[in-house]
N, C-alpha and C. Protein backbone atom coordinates (compact mmCIF):
# COMPACT_ATOMS: atom_id res chain seq x y z
N UNK A 1 -8.77 13.17 -4.16
CA UNK A 1 -9.31 11.84 -4.30
C UNK A 1 -9.39 11.20 -2.92
N UNK A 2 -10.48 10.48 -2.67
CA UNK A 2 -10.70 9.82 -1.38
C UNK A 2 -11.12 8.36 -1.60
N UNK A 3 -10.73 7.51 -0.66
CA UNK A 3 -11.16 6.12 -0.69
C UNK A 3 -12.63 6.08 -0.27
N UNK A 4 -13.45 5.40 -1.06
CA UNK A 4 -14.88 5.31 -0.75
C UNK A 4 -15.30 3.94 -0.24
N UNK A 5 -14.56 2.91 -0.63
CA UNK A 5 -14.92 1.56 -0.21
C UNK A 5 -13.73 0.63 -0.32
N UNK A 6 -13.75 -0.41 0.49
CA UNK A 6 -12.74 -1.47 0.43
C UNK A 6 -13.49 -2.79 0.39
N UNK A 7 -13.34 -3.52 -0.70
CA UNK A 7 -13.96 -4.84 -0.82
C UNK A 7 -12.91 -5.90 -0.51
N UNK A 8 -13.30 -6.87 0.31
CA UNK A 8 -12.40 -7.95 0.68
C UNK A 8 -13.12 -9.28 0.46
N UNK A 9 -12.53 -10.12 -0.37
CA UNK A 9 -13.10 -11.44 -0.63
C UNK A 9 -11.98 -12.48 -0.53
N UNK A 10 -12.39 -13.74 -0.51
CA UNK A 10 -11.38 -14.80 -0.45
C UNK A 10 -11.82 -15.97 -1.31
N UNK A 11 -10.84 -16.74 -1.77
CA UNK A 11 -11.10 -17.96 -2.52
C UNK A 11 -10.14 -19.04 -2.05
N UNK A 12 -10.55 -20.27 -2.19
CA UNK A 12 -9.69 -21.40 -1.86
C UNK A 12 -10.09 -22.56 -2.77
N UNK A 13 -9.18 -22.94 -3.65
CA UNK A 13 -9.45 -24.00 -4.61
C UNK A 13 -8.29 -24.98 -4.64
N UNK A 14 -8.55 -26.25 -4.91
CA UNK A 14 -7.46 -27.21 -5.02
C UNK A 14 -6.55 -26.90 -6.22
N UNK A 15 -5.25 -27.11 -6.06
CA UNK A 15 -4.31 -26.94 -7.17
C UNK A 15 -4.36 -28.17 -8.06
N UNK A 16 -4.21 -27.98 -9.34
CA UNK A 16 -4.14 -29.10 -10.27
C UNK A 16 -2.90 -29.95 -10.01
N UNK A 17 -1.79 -29.27 -9.74
CA UNK A 17 -0.54 -29.96 -9.45
C UNK A 17 0.04 -29.38 -8.16
N UNK A 18 -0.08 -30.10 -7.05
CA UNK A 18 0.46 -29.61 -5.78
C UNK A 18 1.97 -29.38 -5.84
N UNK A 19 2.42 -28.41 -5.07
CA UNK A 19 3.84 -28.12 -4.94
C UNK A 19 4.31 -28.74 -3.64
N UNK A 20 5.41 -29.46 -3.69
CA UNK A 20 5.92 -30.14 -2.50
C UNK A 20 7.33 -29.65 -2.21
N UNK A 21 7.63 -29.54 -0.91
CA UNK A 21 9.00 -29.32 -0.50
C UNK A 21 9.30 -30.27 0.65
N UNK A 22 10.39 -30.07 1.35
CA UNK A 22 10.78 -31.00 2.41
C UNK A 22 9.84 -30.97 3.61
N UNK A 23 9.07 -29.91 3.77
CA UNK A 23 8.24 -29.75 4.96
C UNK A 23 6.75 -29.86 4.72
N UNK A 24 6.29 -29.57 3.52
CA UNK A 24 4.84 -29.44 3.33
C UNK A 24 4.42 -29.72 1.90
N UNK A 25 3.15 -29.87 1.73
CA UNK A 25 2.54 -29.98 0.41
C UNK A 25 1.60 -28.78 0.26
N UNK A 26 1.84 -27.96 -0.75
CA UNK A 26 0.98 -26.81 -1.03
C UNK A 26 -0.01 -27.26 -2.11
N UNK A 27 -1.16 -27.71 -1.65
CA UNK A 27 -2.13 -28.32 -2.56
C UNK A 27 -3.36 -27.46 -2.82
N UNK A 28 -3.34 -26.22 -2.37
CA UNK A 28 -4.49 -25.33 -2.59
C UNK A 28 -4.01 -23.97 -3.07
N UNK A 29 -4.88 -23.30 -3.81
CA UNK A 29 -4.69 -21.89 -4.16
C UNK A 29 -5.64 -21.11 -3.28
N UNK A 30 -5.16 -20.63 -2.17
CA UNK A 30 -5.97 -19.82 -1.27
C UNK A 30 -5.54 -18.38 -1.37
N UNK A 31 -6.46 -17.50 -1.67
CA UNK A 31 -6.13 -16.08 -1.86
C UNK A 31 -7.12 -15.17 -1.15
N UNK A 32 -6.59 -14.04 -0.73
CA UNK A 32 -7.40 -12.97 -0.18
C UNK A 32 -7.30 -11.81 -1.17
N UNK A 33 -8.43 -11.33 -1.65
CA UNK A 33 -8.48 -10.27 -2.65
C UNK A 33 -8.95 -8.97 -1.98
N UNK A 34 -8.22 -7.90 -2.22
CA UNK A 34 -8.60 -6.58 -1.69
C UNK A 34 -8.73 -5.63 -2.88
N UNK A 35 -9.86 -4.93 -2.95
CA UNK A 35 -10.08 -3.91 -3.98
C UNK A 35 -10.44 -2.61 -3.28
N UNK A 36 -9.68 -1.57 -3.60
CA UNK A 36 -9.92 -0.24 -3.03
C UNK A 36 -10.55 0.62 -4.11
N UNK A 37 -11.66 1.28 -3.78
CA UNK A 37 -12.40 2.15 -4.71
C UNK A 37 -12.25 3.59 -4.24
N UNK A 38 -12.21 4.52 -5.21
CA UNK A 38 -12.14 5.94 -4.87
C UNK A 38 -13.31 6.70 -5.48
N UNK A 39 -13.48 7.92 -5.01
CA UNK A 39 -14.56 8.76 -5.51
C UNK A 39 -14.34 9.22 -6.95
N UNK A 40 -13.13 9.03 -7.49
CA UNK A 40 -12.85 9.41 -8.87
C UNK A 40 -12.82 8.20 -9.81
N UNK A 41 -13.27 7.05 -9.31
CA UNK A 41 -13.35 5.86 -10.15
C UNK A 41 -12.06 5.07 -10.27
N UNK A 42 -11.01 5.50 -9.59
CA UNK A 42 -9.74 4.78 -9.61
C UNK A 42 -9.85 3.61 -8.63
N UNK A 43 -9.37 2.44 -9.06
CA UNK A 43 -9.36 1.28 -8.17
C UNK A 43 -7.95 0.72 -8.06
N UNK A 44 -7.70 0.04 -6.97
CA UNK A 44 -6.45 -0.67 -6.78
C UNK A 44 -6.78 -2.04 -6.24
N UNK A 45 -6.07 -3.04 -6.71
CA UNK A 45 -6.37 -4.41 -6.30
C UNK A 45 -5.11 -5.12 -5.83
N UNK A 46 -5.30 -6.05 -4.91
CA UNK A 46 -4.21 -6.95 -4.52
C UNK A 46 -4.77 -8.34 -4.36
N UNK A 47 -3.92 -9.30 -4.53
CA UNK A 47 -4.29 -10.70 -4.40
C UNK A 47 -3.18 -11.36 -3.60
N UNK A 48 -3.45 -11.66 -2.35
CA UNK A 48 -2.44 -12.18 -1.44
C UNK A 48 -2.64 -13.67 -1.24
N UNK A 49 -1.62 -14.46 -1.59
CA UNK A 49 -1.70 -15.91 -1.40
C UNK A 49 -1.68 -16.19 0.10
N UNK A 50 -2.64 -16.95 0.56
CA UNK A 50 -2.70 -17.29 1.97
C UNK A 50 -3.53 -18.55 2.10
N UNK A 51 -2.89 -19.69 1.84
CA UNK A 51 -3.76 -20.78 2.09
C UNK A 51 -3.48 -22.14 1.62
N UNK A 52 -2.92 -22.88 2.45
CA UNK A 52 -2.81 -24.31 2.26
C UNK A 52 -4.04 -24.99 2.82
N UNK A 53 -4.66 -24.37 3.78
CA UNK A 53 -5.85 -24.90 4.46
C UNK A 53 -7.07 -24.15 3.91
N UNK A 54 -8.16 -24.83 3.57
CA UNK A 54 -9.32 -24.15 2.98
C UNK A 54 -9.86 -22.97 3.79
N UNK A 55 -9.76 -23.03 5.11
CA UNK A 55 -10.32 -21.97 5.95
C UNK A 55 -9.39 -20.77 6.09
N UNK A 56 -8.15 -20.87 5.65
CA UNK A 56 -7.18 -19.77 5.86
C UNK A 56 -7.55 -18.46 5.17
N UNK A 57 -7.88 -18.45 3.87
CA UNK A 57 -8.20 -17.17 3.23
C UNK A 57 -9.37 -16.43 3.88
N UNK A 58 -10.49 -17.09 4.23
CA UNK A 58 -11.55 -16.35 4.91
C UNK A 58 -11.12 -15.83 6.29
N UNK A 59 -10.22 -16.56 6.95
CA UNK A 59 -9.72 -16.10 8.25
C UNK A 59 -8.90 -14.84 8.11
N UNK A 60 -8.19 -14.67 7.00
CA UNK A 60 -7.44 -13.44 6.75
C UNK A 60 -8.37 -12.33 6.29
N UNK A 61 -9.36 -12.67 5.47
CA UNK A 61 -10.27 -11.64 4.95
C UNK A 61 -11.07 -10.96 6.06
N UNK A 62 -11.49 -11.73 7.06
CA UNK A 62 -12.33 -11.17 8.13
C UNK A 62 -11.65 -10.03 8.89
N UNK A 63 -10.42 -10.19 9.38
CA UNK A 63 -9.81 -9.06 10.09
C UNK A 63 -9.54 -7.85 9.20
N UNK A 64 -9.26 -8.07 7.91
CA UNK A 64 -9.07 -6.93 7.00
C UNK A 64 -10.39 -6.19 6.85
N UNK A 65 -11.45 -6.92 6.65
CA UNK A 65 -12.79 -6.33 6.47
C UNK A 65 -13.22 -5.56 7.73
N UNK A 66 -12.89 -6.08 8.90
CA UNK A 66 -13.37 -5.50 10.15
C UNK A 66 -12.51 -4.36 10.69
N UNK A 67 -11.20 -4.40 10.44
CA UNK A 67 -10.35 -3.40 11.07
C UNK A 67 -9.73 -2.40 10.10
N UNK A 68 -8.80 -2.79 9.22
CA UNK A 68 -8.20 -1.77 8.35
C UNK A 68 -9.17 -1.15 7.35
N UNK A 69 -10.06 -1.95 6.77
CA UNK A 69 -10.93 -1.44 5.71
C UNK A 69 -11.75 -0.22 6.15
N UNK A 70 -12.50 -0.31 7.25
CA UNK A 70 -13.28 0.88 7.64
C UNK A 70 -12.39 2.06 8.06
N UNK A 71 -11.20 1.76 8.52
CA UNK A 71 -10.30 2.81 9.01
C UNK A 71 -9.78 3.70 7.88
N UNK A 72 -9.66 3.16 6.67
CA UNK A 72 -9.05 3.95 5.59
C UNK A 72 -10.07 4.61 4.67
N UNK A 73 -11.35 4.32 4.83
CA UNK A 73 -12.37 5.00 4.02
C UNK A 73 -12.31 6.50 4.35
N UNK A 74 -12.26 7.31 3.31
CA UNK A 74 -12.15 8.75 3.46
C UNK A 74 -10.71 9.27 3.36
N UNK A 75 -9.75 8.35 3.34
CA UNK A 75 -8.34 8.75 3.24
C UNK A 75 -7.94 8.95 1.78
N UNK A 76 -6.85 9.68 1.57
CA UNK A 76 -6.26 9.87 0.25
C UNK A 76 -5.43 8.64 -0.10
N UNK A 77 -5.76 7.90 -1.16
CA UNK A 77 -5.04 6.66 -1.47
C UNK A 77 -3.58 6.87 -1.88
N UNK A 78 -3.19 8.10 -2.18
CA UNK A 78 -1.80 8.36 -2.53
C UNK A 78 -0.90 8.45 -1.30
N UNK A 79 -1.49 8.57 -0.12
CA UNK A 79 -0.70 8.68 1.11
C UNK A 79 -0.47 7.29 1.71
N UNK A 80 0.20 6.46 0.94
CA UNK A 80 0.37 5.04 1.30
C UNK A 80 1.14 4.88 2.60
N UNK A 81 2.24 5.57 2.77
CA UNK A 81 3.03 5.44 4.00
C UNK A 81 2.25 5.89 5.23
N UNK A 82 1.51 6.96 5.10
CA UNK A 82 0.72 7.44 6.23
C UNK A 82 -0.38 6.44 6.59
N UNK A 83 -1.01 5.86 5.57
CA UNK A 83 -2.05 4.85 5.83
C UNK A 83 -1.43 3.63 6.48
N UNK A 84 -0.29 3.18 5.97
CA UNK A 84 0.38 2.01 6.57
C UNK A 84 0.73 2.29 8.03
N UNK A 85 1.26 3.45 8.32
CA UNK A 85 1.61 3.81 9.71
C UNK A 85 0.36 3.82 10.59
N UNK A 86 -0.72 4.33 10.06
CA UNK A 86 -1.97 4.36 10.81
C UNK A 86 -2.48 2.95 11.12
N UNK A 87 -2.36 2.04 10.15
CA UNK A 87 -2.82 0.67 10.35
C UNK A 87 -1.91 -0.09 11.32
N UNK A 88 -0.62 0.19 11.29
CA UNK A 88 0.30 -0.42 12.26
C UNK A 88 -0.07 0.04 13.67
N UNK A 89 -0.32 1.32 13.83
CA UNK A 89 -0.72 1.85 15.15
C UNK A 89 -2.06 1.25 15.59
N UNK A 90 -2.98 1.08 14.64
CA UNK A 90 -4.29 0.52 14.94
C UNK A 90 -4.19 -0.91 15.47
N UNK A 91 -3.28 -1.69 14.90
CA UNK A 91 -3.15 -3.09 15.29
C UNK A 91 -2.12 -3.33 16.39
N UNK A 92 -1.48 -2.29 16.85
CA UNK A 92 -0.41 -2.43 17.83
C UNK A 92 -0.88 -3.09 19.13
N UNK A 93 -2.05 -2.76 19.60
CA UNK A 93 -2.51 -3.28 20.89
C UNK A 93 -2.60 -4.81 20.90
N UNK A 94 -3.15 -5.38 19.84
CA UNK A 94 -3.29 -6.83 19.80
C UNK A 94 -2.17 -7.51 19.03
N UNK A 95 -1.24 -6.75 18.50
CA UNK A 95 -0.07 -7.33 17.84
C UNK A 95 -0.06 -7.11 16.35
N UNK A 96 0.98 -6.42 15.89
CA UNK A 96 1.13 -6.17 14.47
C UNK A 96 2.05 -7.23 13.88
N UNK A 97 1.66 -8.45 14.02
CA UNK A 97 2.40 -9.58 13.46
C UNK A 97 1.37 -10.60 12.98
N UNK A 98 1.82 -11.56 12.22
CA UNK A 98 0.90 -12.60 11.75
C UNK A 98 -0.17 -12.05 10.84
N UNK A 99 -1.43 -12.32 11.22
CA UNK A 99 -2.57 -11.90 10.40
C UNK A 99 -2.56 -10.40 10.12
N UNK A 100 -2.23 -9.61 11.14
CA UNK A 100 -2.25 -8.15 10.95
C UNK A 100 -1.25 -7.74 9.87
N UNK A 101 -0.07 -8.33 9.86
CA UNK A 101 0.94 -7.99 8.86
C UNK A 101 0.47 -8.38 7.46
N UNK A 102 -0.11 -9.57 7.32
CA UNK A 102 -0.66 -9.99 6.03
C UNK A 102 -1.75 -9.02 5.58
N UNK A 103 -2.62 -8.63 6.49
CA UNK A 103 -3.71 -7.72 6.16
C UNK A 103 -3.23 -6.35 5.74
N UNK A 104 -2.28 -5.81 6.48
CA UNK A 104 -1.72 -4.50 6.15
C UNK A 104 -1.02 -4.57 4.79
N UNK A 105 -0.30 -5.67 4.53
CA UNK A 105 0.37 -5.83 3.24
C UNK A 105 -0.63 -5.89 2.10
N UNK A 106 -1.75 -6.57 2.30
CA UNK A 106 -2.77 -6.66 1.25
C UNK A 106 -3.34 -5.27 0.93
N UNK A 107 -3.61 -4.48 1.95
CA UNK A 107 -4.11 -3.12 1.75
C UNK A 107 -3.04 -2.27 1.08
N UNK A 108 -1.80 -2.39 1.54
CA UNK A 108 -0.67 -1.64 1.00
C UNK A 108 -0.50 -1.92 -0.50
N UNK A 109 -0.59 -3.18 -0.89
CA UNK A 109 -0.47 -3.53 -2.31
C UNK A 109 -1.61 -2.96 -3.14
N UNK A 110 -2.82 -3.02 -2.62
CA UNK A 110 -3.96 -2.46 -3.36
C UNK A 110 -3.80 -0.95 -3.53
N UNK A 111 -3.32 -0.28 -2.49
CA UNK A 111 -3.08 1.17 -2.61
C UNK A 111 -2.00 1.45 -3.65
N UNK A 112 -0.92 0.69 -3.61
CA UNK A 112 0.18 0.88 -4.57
C UNK A 112 -0.29 0.62 -5.99
N UNK A 113 -1.16 -0.36 -6.17
CA UNK A 113 -1.65 -0.68 -7.51
C UNK A 113 -2.63 0.35 -8.04
N UNK A 114 -3.13 1.23 -7.20
CA UNK A 114 -4.03 2.28 -7.69
C UNK A 114 -3.25 3.48 -8.22
N UNK A 115 -2.01 3.63 -7.83
CA UNK A 115 -1.22 4.81 -8.21
C UNK A 115 -0.98 4.99 -9.70
N UNK A 116 -0.56 3.96 -10.44
CA UNK A 116 -0.27 4.20 -11.86
C UNK A 116 -1.49 4.59 -12.67
N UNK A 117 -2.66 4.32 -12.16
CA UNK A 117 -3.88 4.58 -12.93
C UNK A 117 -4.30 6.04 -12.88
N UNK A 118 -3.69 6.83 -12.02
CA UNK A 118 -4.08 8.23 -11.94
C UNK A 118 -2.86 9.14 -11.97
N UNK A 119 -2.10 9.03 -13.05
CA UNK A 119 -0.90 9.85 -13.20
C UNK A 119 -1.22 11.33 -13.42
N UNK A 120 -2.44 11.63 -13.90
CA UNK A 120 -2.79 13.02 -14.19
C UNK A 120 -2.74 13.87 -12.93
N UNK A 121 -2.99 13.26 -11.79
CA UNK A 121 -2.93 14.00 -10.53
C UNK A 121 -1.52 14.53 -10.27
N UNK A 122 -0.54 13.85 -10.82
CA UNK A 122 0.86 14.25 -10.64
C UNK A 122 1.34 15.12 -11.79
N UNK A 123 0.44 15.49 -12.69
CA UNK A 123 0.81 16.33 -13.82
C UNK A 123 1.43 15.55 -14.96
N UNK A 124 1.21 14.25 -15.00
CA UNK A 124 1.77 13.38 -16.04
C UNK A 124 0.62 12.80 -16.84
N UNK A 125 0.80 12.68 -18.15
CA UNK A 125 -0.24 12.08 -18.97
C UNK A 125 -0.40 10.62 -18.60
N UNK A 126 -1.65 10.20 -18.47
CA UNK A 126 -1.93 8.82 -18.07
C UNK A 126 -1.80 7.89 -19.27
N UNK A 127 -0.78 7.02 -19.23
CA UNK A 127 -0.56 6.07 -20.33
C UNK A 127 -0.83 4.64 -19.88
N UNK A 128 -1.37 4.47 -18.70
CA UNK A 128 -1.62 3.14 -18.16
C UNK A 128 -2.85 2.53 -18.81
N UNK A 129 -2.72 1.32 -19.31
CA UNK A 129 -3.85 0.60 -19.91
C UNK A 129 -4.30 -0.48 -18.95
N UNK A 130 -5.58 -0.51 -18.59
CA UNK A 130 -6.10 -1.55 -17.69
C UNK A 130 -6.19 -2.86 -18.41
């Protein structure tokens, strides 16, 4: 099985009831969505909260779309640790912190979420219901 595409989108909507703490008001639902597609029809998705500010989710989506996404096309989605190591090395020059860490985590979650859907590859009957 190989990764054929990585879709990255973002949303930012006002919350009906803002969450407040001593430092801030979280008044938006800002998310970055990552969907990984494979040549066998298996998909994995992640939804990473990132956004008190309306522009934050698109700012996270852009680096994921431009750097990690093209890098993992053609890879085996079951090799999550190897892919994560490759993405850390890829972002090392400009810093594997901040946006890069959020982006790698979003890809990592989408890869992890694709695993239960293809248990037959491991010789186990697939009992996962979408």
